[in-house]
Amino acid sequence: MGPYCANIFDPRSWGGHTNTVTLEVMRVVLATGLFAIGVELPQSYLADHAKGLLVMVVPSMAFGWLVVAGILKALFPAYNFVSALAVAACLTPTDPIICAAIVGGKFAIKHVPTNLRRILAAESAANDGLAYPFLSIAIYLTVEESRKVAIGKWFLVGWLYQVILGVVLGGTLGKSYISIQ
């Protein structure tokens, strides 16, 4: 769709804030895809299947992240391994929008069992969120002067503040919204 192929969608024509506009458009697209998955799943699905999702997502995501980084390092020897980890964090997650196309529609509804469609949708949404800690550790290792400082910031800012506080706030707001209904 971009300028090098169909020339229908050209972010460079948006003026001097191309990167900012592109980032915000992608955030909206990703949030819309994740929201759609959340709306389609039954109310207590994630709570009921949290253990299975964690077992399915965390090891496969970590393994995939390292494998993709290794492949990138082999293909592009000029990259250092931390840079390969940053790129791999972007390539490893299952795309929730593509997953929605696979598990939705007439063919999927007719031929794919409901429990399989739900677990695939939940997994793609979960591993999209899990990509953030993988990306942030690679970024902190790149920009900080020591590994100790990078890991400390990754844990304090990335995990405690952004991930844990985000989950607590999201859960609290979601629960209060449901109780209002």
N, C-alpha and C. Protein backbone atom coordinates (compact mmCIF):
# COMPACT_ATOMS: atom_id res chain seq x y z
N MET A 1 0.82 -1.20 0.00
CA MET A 1 0.00 0.00 0.00
C MET A 1 0.86 1.26 0.00
N GLY A 2 2.15 1.12 0.38
CA GLY A 2 3.03 2.26 0.53
C GLY A 2 3.58 2.80 -0.77
N PRO A 3 4.46 3.81 -0.64
CA PRO A 3 4.96 4.51 -1.82
C PRO A 3 5.84 3.66 -2.74
N TYR A 4 6.38 2.56 -2.26
CA TYR A 4 7.24 1.74 -3.10
C TYR A 4 6.49 0.67 -3.87
N CYS A 5 5.20 0.53 -3.59
CA CYS A 5 4.43 -0.51 -4.27
C CYS A 5 3.19 0.11 -4.93
N ALA A 6 2.11 0.23 -4.19
CA ALA A 6 0.86 0.72 -4.75
C ALA A 6 0.74 2.24 -4.71
N ASN A 7 1.54 2.89 -3.88
CA ASN A 7 1.54 4.34 -3.72
C ASN A 7 0.17 4.90 -3.32
N ILE A 8 -0.56 4.11 -2.54
CA ILE A 8 -1.85 4.57 -2.03
C ILE A 8 -1.68 5.26 -0.69
N PHE A 9 -0.74 4.77 0.10
CA PHE A 9 -0.53 5.25 1.46
C PHE A 9 0.91 5.76 1.55
N ASP A 10 1.11 7.10 1.64
CA ASP A 10 2.45 7.67 1.66
C ASP A 10 2.63 8.56 2.88
N PRO A 11 3.22 8.03 3.96
CA PRO A 11 3.41 8.82 5.17
C PRO A 11 4.29 10.06 4.97
N ARG A 12 5.18 10.04 3.98
CA ARG A 12 6.06 11.19 3.75
C ARG A 12 5.28 12.43 3.30
N SER A 13 4.09 12.24 2.81
CA SER A 13 3.29 13.38 2.36
C SER A 13 2.58 14.09 3.52
N TRP A 14 2.77 13.61 4.73
CA TRP A 14 2.09 14.18 5.89
C TRP A 14 2.82 15.39 6.48
N GLY A 15 3.95 15.74 5.94
CA GLY A 15 4.68 16.91 6.44
C GLY A 15 5.85 16.49 7.32
N GLY A 16 6.28 17.41 8.17
CA GLY A 16 7.48 17.22 8.98
C GLY A 16 7.36 16.28 10.16
N HIS A 17 6.15 15.86 10.49
CA HIS A 17 5.95 15.01 11.67
C HIS A 17 5.61 13.57 11.26
N THR A 18 6.26 13.09 10.23
CA THR A 18 5.96 11.78 9.68
C THR A 18 6.10 10.67 10.72
N ASN A 19 7.20 10.67 11.47
CA ASN A 19 7.42 9.61 12.45
C ASN A 19 6.38 9.65 13.56
N THR A 20 6.03 10.83 14.03
CA THR A 20 5.04 10.95 15.10
C THR A 20 3.67 10.49 14.62
N VAL A 21 3.27 10.92 13.45
CA VAL A 21 1.96 10.53 12.91
C VAL A 21 1.91 9.03 12.65
N THR A 22 2.98 8.49 12.07
CA THR A 22 3.03 7.05 11.81
C THR A 22 2.93 6.26 13.11
N LEU A 23 3.68 6.68 14.14
CA LEU A 23 3.63 6.01 15.43
C LEU A 23 2.21 6.03 16.01
N GLU A 24 1.56 7.17 15.97
CA GLU A 24 0.22 7.27 16.54
C GLU A 24 -0.81 6.47 15.74
N VAL A 25 -0.68 6.45 14.41
CA VAL A 25 -1.59 5.63 13.59
C VAL A 25 -1.40 4.16 13.94
N MET A 26 -0.17 3.72 14.08
CA MET A 26 0.10 2.31 14.42
C MET A 26 -0.42 1.97 15.81
N ARG A 27 -0.31 2.90 16.74
CA ARG A 27 -0.86 2.66 18.09
C ARG A 27 -2.38 2.46 18.03
N VAL A 28 -3.04 3.29 17.24
CA VAL A 28 -4.50 3.18 17.11
C VAL A 28 -4.87 1.84 16.47
N VAL A 29 -4.14 1.45 15.43
CA VAL A 29 -4.42 0.18 14.74
C VAL A 29 -4.21 -0.99 15.70
N LEU A 30 -3.11 -0.99 16.42
CA LEU A 30 -2.83 -2.07 17.36
C LEU A 30 -3.85 -2.10 18.49
N ALA A 31 -4.16 -0.93 19.06
CA ALA A 31 -5.14 -0.88 20.14
C ALA A 31 -6.51 -1.35 19.66
N THR A 32 -6.88 -1.00 18.44
CA THR A 32 -8.16 -1.45 17.89
C THR A 32 -8.19 -2.96 17.74
N GLY A 33 -7.10 -3.54 17.23
CA GLY A 33 -7.03 -5.00 17.09
C GLY A 33 -7.10 -5.72 18.43
N LEU A 34 -6.37 -5.21 19.41
CA LEU A 34 -6.39 -5.82 20.75
C LEU A 34 -7.75 -5.64 21.42
N PHE A 35 -8.35 -4.47 21.25
CA PHE A 35 -9.68 -4.23 21.81
C PHE A 35 -10.70 -5.18 21.20
N ALA A 36 -10.61 -5.38 19.89
CA ALA A 36 -11.55 -6.28 19.22
C ALA A 36 -11.43 -7.70 19.77
N ILE A 37 -10.20 -8.15 20.01
CA ILE A 37 -10.01 -9.48 20.59
C ILE A 37 -10.62 -9.53 21.99
N GLY A 38 -10.36 -8.49 22.78
CA GLY A 38 -10.91 -8.45 24.14
C GLY A 38 -12.43 -8.47 24.16
N VAL A 39 -13.05 -7.81 23.22
CA VAL A 39 -14.51 -7.76 23.16
C VAL A 39 -15.09 -9.11 22.72
N GLU A 40 -14.37 -9.80 21.83
CA GLU A 40 -14.88 -11.07 21.31
C GLU A 40 -14.78 -12.22 22.31
N LEU A 41 -13.81 -12.15 23.22
CA LEU A 41 -13.65 -13.24 24.19
C LEU A 41 -14.71 -13.14 25.28
N PRO A 42 -15.15 -14.27 25.82
CA PRO A 42 -16.10 -14.23 26.94
C PRO A 42 -15.50 -13.47 28.13
N GLN A 43 -16.35 -12.95 28.98
CA GLN A 43 -15.94 -12.04 30.05
C GLN A 43 -14.82 -12.60 30.93
N SER A 44 -14.90 -13.82 31.37
CA SER A 44 -13.89 -14.35 32.29
C SER A 44 -12.88 -15.26 31.60
N TYR A 45 -12.79 -15.18 30.28
CA TYR A 45 -11.93 -16.11 29.54
C TYR A 45 -10.47 -16.01 29.96
N LEU A 46 -9.92 -14.81 30.02
CA LEU A 46 -8.51 -14.66 30.38
C LEU A 46 -8.23 -15.11 31.80
N ALA A 47 -9.14 -14.83 32.71
CA ALA A 47 -8.95 -15.28 34.09
C ALA A 47 -9.03 -16.80 34.18
N ASP A 48 -9.94 -17.40 33.45
CA ASP A 48 -10.10 -18.86 33.49
C ASP A 48 -8.94 -19.59 32.82
N HIS A 49 -8.30 -18.96 31.85
CA HIS A 49 -7.25 -19.63 31.08
C HIS A 49 -5.88 -18.98 31.26
N ALA A 50 -5.69 -18.22 32.32
CA ALA A 50 -4.43 -17.50 32.53
C ALA A 50 -3.24 -18.45 32.62
N LYS A 51 -3.37 -19.54 33.35
CA LYS A 51 -2.25 -20.47 33.52
C LYS A 51 -1.85 -21.09 32.18
N GLY A 52 -2.82 -21.55 31.41
CA GLY A 52 -2.54 -22.14 30.11
C GLY A 52 -1.92 -21.14 29.15
N LEU A 53 -2.43 -19.90 29.18
CA LEU A 53 -1.87 -18.86 28.32
C LEU A 53 -0.42 -18.55 28.69
N LEU A 54 -0.15 -18.46 30.00
CA LEU A 54 1.23 -18.18 30.43
C LEU A 54 2.17 -19.29 30.00
N VAL A 55 1.73 -20.54 30.16
CA VAL A 55 2.57 -21.67 29.76
C VAL A 55 2.79 -21.67 28.25
N MET A 56 1.78 -21.29 27.51
CA MET A 56 1.87 -21.30 26.05
C MET A 56 2.67 -20.09 25.53
N VAL A 57 2.48 -18.93 26.12
CA VAL A 57 3.05 -17.71 25.56
C VAL A 57 4.48 -17.45 26.02
N VAL A 58 4.74 -17.50 27.32
CA VAL A 58 6.04 -17.06 27.83
C VAL A 58 7.21 -17.88 27.28
N PRO A 59 7.20 -19.22 27.41
CA PRO A 59 8.36 -19.96 26.89
C PRO A 59 8.50 -19.86 25.37
N SER A 60 7.39 -19.94 24.65
CA SER A 60 7.48 -19.88 23.19
C SER A 60 7.92 -18.49 22.72
N MET A 61 7.47 -17.46 23.40
CA MET A 61 7.87 -16.10 23.04
C MET A 61 9.35 -15.89 23.33
N ALA A 62 9.82 -16.31 24.49
CA ALA A 62 11.24 -16.14 24.84
C ALA A 62 12.12 -16.93 23.88
N PHE A 63 11.73 -18.16 23.59
CA PHE A 63 12.51 -18.99 22.67
C PHE A 63 12.52 -18.38 21.27
N GLY A 64 11.35 -17.95 20.80
CA GLY A 64 11.25 -17.33 19.48
C GLY A 64 12.07 -16.05 19.39
N TRP A 65 12.07 -15.27 20.46
CA TRP A 65 12.83 -14.03 20.52
C TRP A 65 14.32 -14.30 20.34
N LEU A 66 14.82 -15.29 21.06
CA LEU A 66 16.25 -15.62 20.97
C LEU A 66 16.60 -16.24 19.61
N VAL A 67 15.73 -17.09 19.09
CA VAL A 67 15.99 -17.72 17.78
C VAL A 67 15.99 -16.68 16.68
N VAL A 68 15.00 -15.80 16.67
CA VAL A 68 14.94 -14.75 15.64
C VAL A 68 16.15 -13.83 15.77
N ALA A 69 16.55 -13.49 17.00
CA ALA A 69 17.74 -12.65 17.18
C ALA A 69 18.98 -13.35 16.64
N GLY A 70 19.10 -14.65 16.88
CA GLY A 70 20.23 -15.41 16.36
C GLY A 70 20.24 -15.43 14.84
N ILE A 71 19.09 -15.61 14.24
CA ILE A 71 19.00 -15.60 12.77
C ILE A 71 19.38 -14.22 12.22
N LEU A 72 18.88 -13.17 12.87
CA LEU A 72 19.22 -11.81 12.43
C LEU A 72 20.71 -11.55 12.56
N LYS A 73 21.30 -12.00 13.65
CA LYS A 73 22.74 -11.82 13.85
C LYS A 73 23.53 -12.57 12.78
N ALA A 74 23.06 -13.75 12.41
CA ALA A 74 23.74 -14.52 11.36
C ALA A 74 23.57 -13.88 9.99
N LEU A 75 22.38 -13.34 9.72
CA LEU A 75 22.13 -12.71 8.42
C LEU A 75 22.80 -11.34 8.30
N PHE A 76 22.87 -10.63 9.40
CA PHE A 76 23.43 -9.28 9.40
C PHE A 76 24.57 -9.20 10.42
N PRO A 77 25.75 -9.66 10.07
CA PRO A 77 26.86 -9.72 11.03
C PRO A 77 27.27 -8.35 11.58
N ALA A 78 26.93 -7.27 10.91
CA ALA A 78 27.28 -5.94 11.41
C ALA A 78 26.47 -5.58 12.65
N TYR A 79 25.30 -6.20 12.82
CA TYR A 79 24.49 -5.96 14.03
C TYR A 79 25.20 -6.57 15.23
N ASN A 80 25.11 -5.89 16.36
CA ASN A 80 25.51 -6.59 17.58
C ASN A 80 24.29 -7.36 18.08
N PHE A 81 24.49 -8.26 19.01
CA PHE A 81 23.40 -9.14 19.42
C PHE A 81 22.26 -8.37 20.10
N VAL A 82 22.59 -7.32 20.84
CA VAL A 82 21.54 -6.53 21.50
C VAL A 82 20.64 -5.85 20.46
N SER A 83 21.23 -5.36 19.38
CA SER A 83 20.42 -4.77 18.31
C SER A 83 19.53 -5.83 17.67
N ALA A 84 20.08 -7.02 17.49
CA ALA A 84 19.29 -8.13 16.94
C ALA A 84 18.14 -8.47 17.88
N LEU A 85 18.37 -8.40 19.19
CA LEU A 85 17.30 -8.66 20.17
C LEU A 85 16.19 -7.62 20.05
N ALA A 86 16.56 -6.35 19.81
CA ALA A 86 15.55 -5.30 19.67
C ALA A 86 14.68 -5.54 18.44
N VAL A 87 15.30 -5.87 17.32
CA VAL A 87 14.53 -6.14 16.10
C VAL A 87 13.70 -7.41 16.28
N ALA A 88 14.27 -8.43 16.91
CA ALA A 88 13.55 -9.69 17.13
C ALA A 88 12.32 -9.49 18.01
N ALA A 89 12.38 -8.57 18.95
CA ALA A 89 11.22 -8.29 19.81
C ALA A 89 10.06 -7.75 19.00
N CYS A 90 10.35 -7.10 17.89
CA CYS A 90 9.30 -6.58 17.02
C CYS A 90 8.77 -7.64 16.06
N LEU A 91 9.60 -8.63 15.74
CA LEU A 91 9.21 -9.66 14.76
C LEU A 91 8.59 -10.90 15.39
N THR A 92 8.83 -11.14 16.66
CA THR A 92 8.42 -12.38 17.30
C THR A 92 6.92 -12.49 17.58
N PRO A 93 6.24 -11.45 18.06
CA PRO A 93 4.83 -11.63 18.43
C PRO A 93 3.93 -11.98 17.26
N THR A 94 2.89 -12.74 17.56
CA THR A 94 1.85 -13.02 16.58
C THR A 94 1.02 -11.77 16.40
N ASP A 95 0.77 -11.38 15.20
CA ASP A 95 0.01 -10.17 14.92
C ASP A 95 -1.47 -10.42 15.24
N PRO A 96 -2.07 -9.64 16.16
CA PRO A 96 -3.48 -9.86 16.51
C PRO A 96 -4.44 -9.57 15.35
N ILE A 97 -4.05 -8.68 14.45
CA ILE A 97 -4.93 -8.36 13.33
C ILE A 97 -4.95 -9.52 12.34
N ILE A 98 -3.78 -10.09 12.06
CA ILE A 98 -3.73 -11.26 11.18
C ILE A 98 -4.43 -12.44 11.85
N CYS A 99 -4.20 -12.59 13.15
CA CYS A 99 -4.86 -13.68 13.87
C CYS A 99 -6.38 -13.53 13.81
N ALA A 100 -6.85 -12.30 13.94
CA ALA A 100 -8.30 -12.07 13.86
C ALA A 100 -8.83 -12.48 12.49
N ALA A 101 -8.04 -12.26 11.45
CA ALA A 101 -8.46 -12.67 10.11
C ALA A 101 -8.50 -14.19 9.99
N ILE A 102 -7.59 -14.87 10.69
CA ILE A 102 -7.54 -16.33 10.62
C ILE A 102 -8.65 -16.97 11.44
N VAL A 103 -8.92 -16.46 12.63
CA VAL A 103 -9.90 -17.09 13.51
C VAL A 103 -11.31 -16.55 13.31
N GLY A 104 -11.47 -15.52 12.50
CA GLY A 104 -12.79 -14.96 12.23
C GLY A 104 -13.24 -15.31 10.82
N GLY A 105 -14.41 -14.93 10.50
CA GLY A 105 -14.94 -15.18 9.16
C GLY A 105 -15.73 -16.47 9.08
N LYS A 106 -16.42 -16.64 7.98
CA LYS A 106 -17.31 -17.79 7.79
C LYS A 106 -16.56 -19.11 7.81
N PHE A 107 -15.41 -19.18 7.13
CA PHE A 107 -14.67 -20.43 7.06
C PHE A 107 -14.19 -20.86 8.44
N ALA A 108 -13.62 -19.92 9.20
CA ALA A 108 -13.11 -20.26 10.54
C ALA A 108 -14.25 -20.66 11.47
N ILE A 109 -15.34 -19.95 11.42
CA ILE A 109 -16.48 -20.27 12.29
C ILE A 109 -17.02 -21.67 11.97
N LYS A 110 -17.01 -22.03 10.69
CA LYS A 110 -17.53 -23.33 10.28
C LYS A 110 -16.54 -24.47 10.57
N HIS A 111 -15.23 -24.25 10.38
CA HIS A 111 -14.27 -25.34 10.41
C HIS A 111 -13.31 -25.36 11.61
N VAL A 112 -13.18 -24.25 12.33
CA VAL A 112 -12.25 -24.20 13.46
C VAL A 112 -13.06 -24.20 14.75
N PRO A 113 -12.77 -25.14 15.66
CA PRO A 113 -13.54 -25.20 16.92
C PRO A 113 -13.43 -23.89 17.71
N THR A 114 -14.48 -23.56 18.43
CA THR A 114 -14.55 -22.31 19.18
C THR A 114 -13.42 -22.20 20.18
N ASN A 115 -13.13 -23.28 20.91
CA ASN A 115 -12.07 -23.18 21.92
C ASN A 115 -10.71 -22.88 21.28
N LEU A 116 -10.45 -23.42 20.10
CA LEU A 116 -9.20 -23.16 19.41
C LEU A 116 -9.14 -21.71 18.90
N ARG A 117 -10.25 -21.21 18.39
CA ARG A 117 -10.29 -19.82 17.93
C ARG A 117 -10.06 -18.87 19.09
N ARG A 118 -10.65 -19.15 20.22
CA ARG A 118 -10.50 -18.27 21.38
C ARG A 118 -9.07 -18.29 21.92
N ILE A 119 -8.46 -19.47 22.04
CA ILE A 119 -7.11 -19.53 22.58
C ILE A 119 -6.11 -18.87 21.63
N LEU A 120 -6.31 -19.00 20.32
CA LEU A 120 -5.43 -18.33 19.36
C LEU A 120 -5.56 -16.81 19.47
N ALA A 121 -6.77 -16.33 19.59
CA ALA A 121 -6.98 -14.88 19.72
C ALA A 121 -6.37 -14.36 21.02
N ALA A 122 -6.60 -15.07 22.12
CA ALA A 122 -6.05 -14.64 23.41
C ALA A 122 -4.52 -14.70 23.39
N GLU A 123 -3.96 -15.73 22.77
CA GLU A 123 -2.50 -15.86 22.69
C GLU A 123 -1.88 -14.73 21.88
N SER A 124 -2.50 -14.37 20.77
CA SER A 124 -1.93 -13.30 19.96
C SER A 124 -1.99 -11.96 20.69
N ALA A 125 -3.05 -11.73 21.42
CA ALA A 125 -3.14 -10.49 22.20
C ALA A 125 -2.14 -10.50 23.35
N ALA A 126 -2.02 -11.63 24.02
CA ALA A 126 -1.10 -11.72 25.16
C ALA A 126 0.35 -11.56 24.72
N ASN A 127 0.74 -12.20 23.63
CA ASN A 127 2.15 -12.09 23.26
C ASN A 127 2.47 -10.74 22.63
N ASP A 128 1.48 -10.01 22.16
CA ASP A 128 1.74 -8.65 21.72
C ASP A 128 2.11 -7.79 22.91
N GLY A 129 1.41 -7.97 24.01
CA GLY A 129 1.75 -7.24 25.23
C GLY A 129 3.08 -7.69 25.81
N LEU A 130 3.38 -8.95 25.68
CA LEU A 130 4.63 -9.50 26.23
C LEU A 130 5.84 -9.05 25.42
N ALA A 131 5.65 -8.62 24.21
CA ALA A 131 6.77 -8.14 23.39
C ALA A 131 7.40 -6.90 24.01
N TYR A 132 6.62 -6.12 24.73
CA TYR A 132 7.15 -4.89 25.30
C TYR A 132 8.34 -5.13 26.23
N PRO A 133 8.26 -6.02 27.20
CA PRO A 133 9.45 -6.23 28.06
C PRO A 133 10.68 -6.71 27.29
N PHE A 134 10.47 -7.53 26.25
CA PHE A 134 11.60 -7.98 25.45
C PHE A 134 12.24 -6.80 24.70
N LEU A 135 11.42 -5.94 24.15
CA LEU A 135 11.93 -4.78 23.44
C LEU A 135 12.60 -3.81 24.41
N SER A 136 11.98 -3.58 25.56
CA SER A 136 12.53 -2.59 26.49
C SER A 136 13.87 -3.03 27.07
N ILE A 137 14.08 -4.32 27.33
CA ILE A 137 15.39 -4.74 27.85
C ILE A 137 16.46 -4.52 26.79
N ALA A 138 16.15 -4.78 25.55
CA ALA A 138 17.12 -4.54 24.48
C ALA A 138 17.44 -3.05 24.36
N ILE A 139 16.42 -2.21 24.49
CA ILE A 139 16.65 -0.77 24.40
C ILE A 139 17.46 -0.27 25.59
N TYR A 140 17.11 -0.71 26.80
CA TYR A 140 17.88 -0.31 27.97
C TYR A 140 19.33 -0.78 27.88
N LEU A 141 19.56 -1.99 27.39
CA LEU A 141 20.93 -2.47 27.23
C LEU A 141 21.70 -1.65 26.19
N THR A 142 20.98 -1.07 25.25
CA THR A 142 21.63 -0.25 24.23
C THR A 142 21.98 1.14 24.75
N VAL A 143 21.08 1.77 25.49
CA VAL A 143 21.27 3.18 25.84
C VAL A 143 21.93 3.40 27.20
N GLU A 144 21.90 2.45 28.09
CA GLU A 144 22.49 2.65 29.42
C GLU A 144 23.96 2.30 29.43
N GLU A 145 24.70 2.93 30.35
CA GLU A 145 26.15 2.77 30.40
C GLU A 145 26.59 1.42 30.97
N SER A 146 25.76 0.80 31.78
CA SER A 146 26.15 -0.51 32.33
C SER A 146 24.95 -1.45 32.30
N ARG A 147 25.26 -2.74 32.30
CA ARG A 147 24.18 -3.74 32.30
C ARG A 147 23.39 -3.69 33.59
N LYS A 148 24.05 -3.41 34.70
CA LYS A 148 23.37 -3.35 35.99
C LYS A 148 22.32 -2.24 35.99
N VAL A 149 22.68 -1.07 35.49
CA VAL A 149 21.73 0.05 35.40
C VAL A 149 20.60 -0.30 34.44
N ALA A 150 20.93 -0.90 33.31
CA ALA A 150 19.92 -1.26 32.31
C ALA A 150 18.91 -2.25 32.89
N ILE A 151 19.39 -3.27 33.55
CA ILE A 151 18.49 -4.28 34.14
C ILE A 151 17.67 -3.67 35.28
N GLY A 152 18.29 -2.79 36.07
CA GLY A 152 17.56 -2.12 37.14
C GLY A 152 16.42 -1.26 36.61
N LYS A 153 16.70 -0.47 35.58
CA LYS A 153 15.65 0.37 34.98
C LYS A 153 14.58 -0.49 34.31
N TRP A 154 15.02 -1.57 33.66
CA TRP A 154 14.06 -2.47 33.01
C TRP A 154 13.10 -3.05 34.04
N PHE A 155 13.63 -3.44 35.20
CA PHE A 155 12.77 -4.01 36.23
C PHE A 155 11.89 -2.94 36.87
N LEU A 156 12.48 -1.84 37.29
CA LEU A 156 11.71 -0.81 38.00
C LEU A 156 10.73 -0.07 37.10
N VAL A 157 11.23 0.43 35.99
CA VAL A 157 10.37 1.23 35.10
C VAL A 157 9.51 0.32 34.22
N GLY A 158 10.17 -0.64 33.57
CA GLY A 158 9.46 -1.48 32.61
C GLY A 158 8.46 -2.42 33.26
N TRP A 159 8.90 -3.17 34.27
CA TRP A 159 8.01 -4.16 34.88
C TRP A 159 7.11 -3.59 35.96
N LEU A 160 7.72 -2.99 36.98
CA LEU A 160 6.90 -2.53 38.11
C LEU A 160 5.98 -1.38 37.74
N TYR A 161 6.53 -0.36 37.09
CA TYR A 161 5.72 0.81 36.79
C TYR A 161 4.80 0.59 35.60
N GLN A 162 5.35 0.22 34.46
CA GLN A 162 4.55 0.18 33.25
C GLN A 162 3.70 -1.09 33.14
N VAL A 163 4.27 -2.25 33.39
CA VAL A 163 3.51 -3.49 33.21
C VAL A 163 2.59 -3.75 34.40
N ILE A 164 3.15 -3.85 35.59
CA ILE A 164 2.34 -4.21 36.77
C ILE A 164 1.31 -3.13 37.08
N LEU A 165 1.73 -1.87 37.12
CA LEU A 165 0.78 -0.80 37.39
C LEU A 165 -0.28 -0.72 36.28
N GLY A 166 0.13 -0.94 35.03
CA GLY A 166 -0.83 -0.95 33.92
C GLY A 166 -1.87 -2.04 34.07
N VAL A 167 -1.43 -3.23 34.47
CA VAL A 167 -2.36 -4.34 34.68
C VAL A 167 -3.31 -4.04 35.84
N VAL A 168 -2.76 -3.51 36.93
CA VAL A 168 -3.59 -3.18 38.09
C VAL A 168 -4.62 -2.11 37.74
N LEU A 169 -4.17 -1.04 37.08
CA LEU A 169 -5.11 0.02 36.68
C LEU A 169 -6.15 -0.50 35.69
N GLY A 170 -5.71 -1.27 34.70
CA GLY A 170 -6.65 -1.83 33.72
C GLY A 170 -7.67 -2.75 34.38
N GLY A 171 -7.19 -3.61 35.28
CA GLY A 171 -8.10 -4.52 35.98
C GLY A 171 -9.08 -3.77 36.87
N THR A 172 -8.59 -2.76 37.58
CA THR A 172 -9.44 -1.97 38.47
C THR A 172 -10.49 -1.20 37.67
N LEU A 173 -10.06 -0.54 36.61
CA LEU A 173 -11.01 0.21 35.80
C LEU A 173 -12.01 -0.71 35.11
N GLY A 174 -11.53 -1.85 34.62
CA GLY A 174 -12.42 -2.81 33.98
C GLY A 174 -13.44 -3.37 34.96
N LYS A 175 -12.98 -3.70 36.16
CA LYS A 175 -13.89 -4.25 37.17
C LYS A 175 -14.92 -3.20 37.60
N SER A 176 -14.48 -1.95 37.76
CA SER A 176 -15.43 -0.90 38.15
C SER A 176 -16.42 -0.62 37.03
N TYR A 177 -15.97 -0.71 35.77
CA TYR A 177 -16.88 -0.52 34.66
C TYR A 177 -17.92 -1.62 34.60
N ILE A 178 -17.48 -2.85 34.83
CA ILE A 178 -18.40 -3.99 34.80
C ILE A 178 -19.41 -3.88 35.95
N SER A 179 -18.96 -3.44 37.13
CA SER A 179 -19.88 -3.32 38.27
C SER A 179 -20.91 -2.21 38.04
N ILE A 180 -20.55 -1.19 37.25
CA ILE A 180 -21.49 -0.10 36.96
C ILE A 180 -22.61 -0.63 36.06
N GLN A 181 -22.26 -1.52 35.15
CA GLN A 181 -23.22 -2.06 34.20
C GLN A 181 -24.18 -2.90 34.96
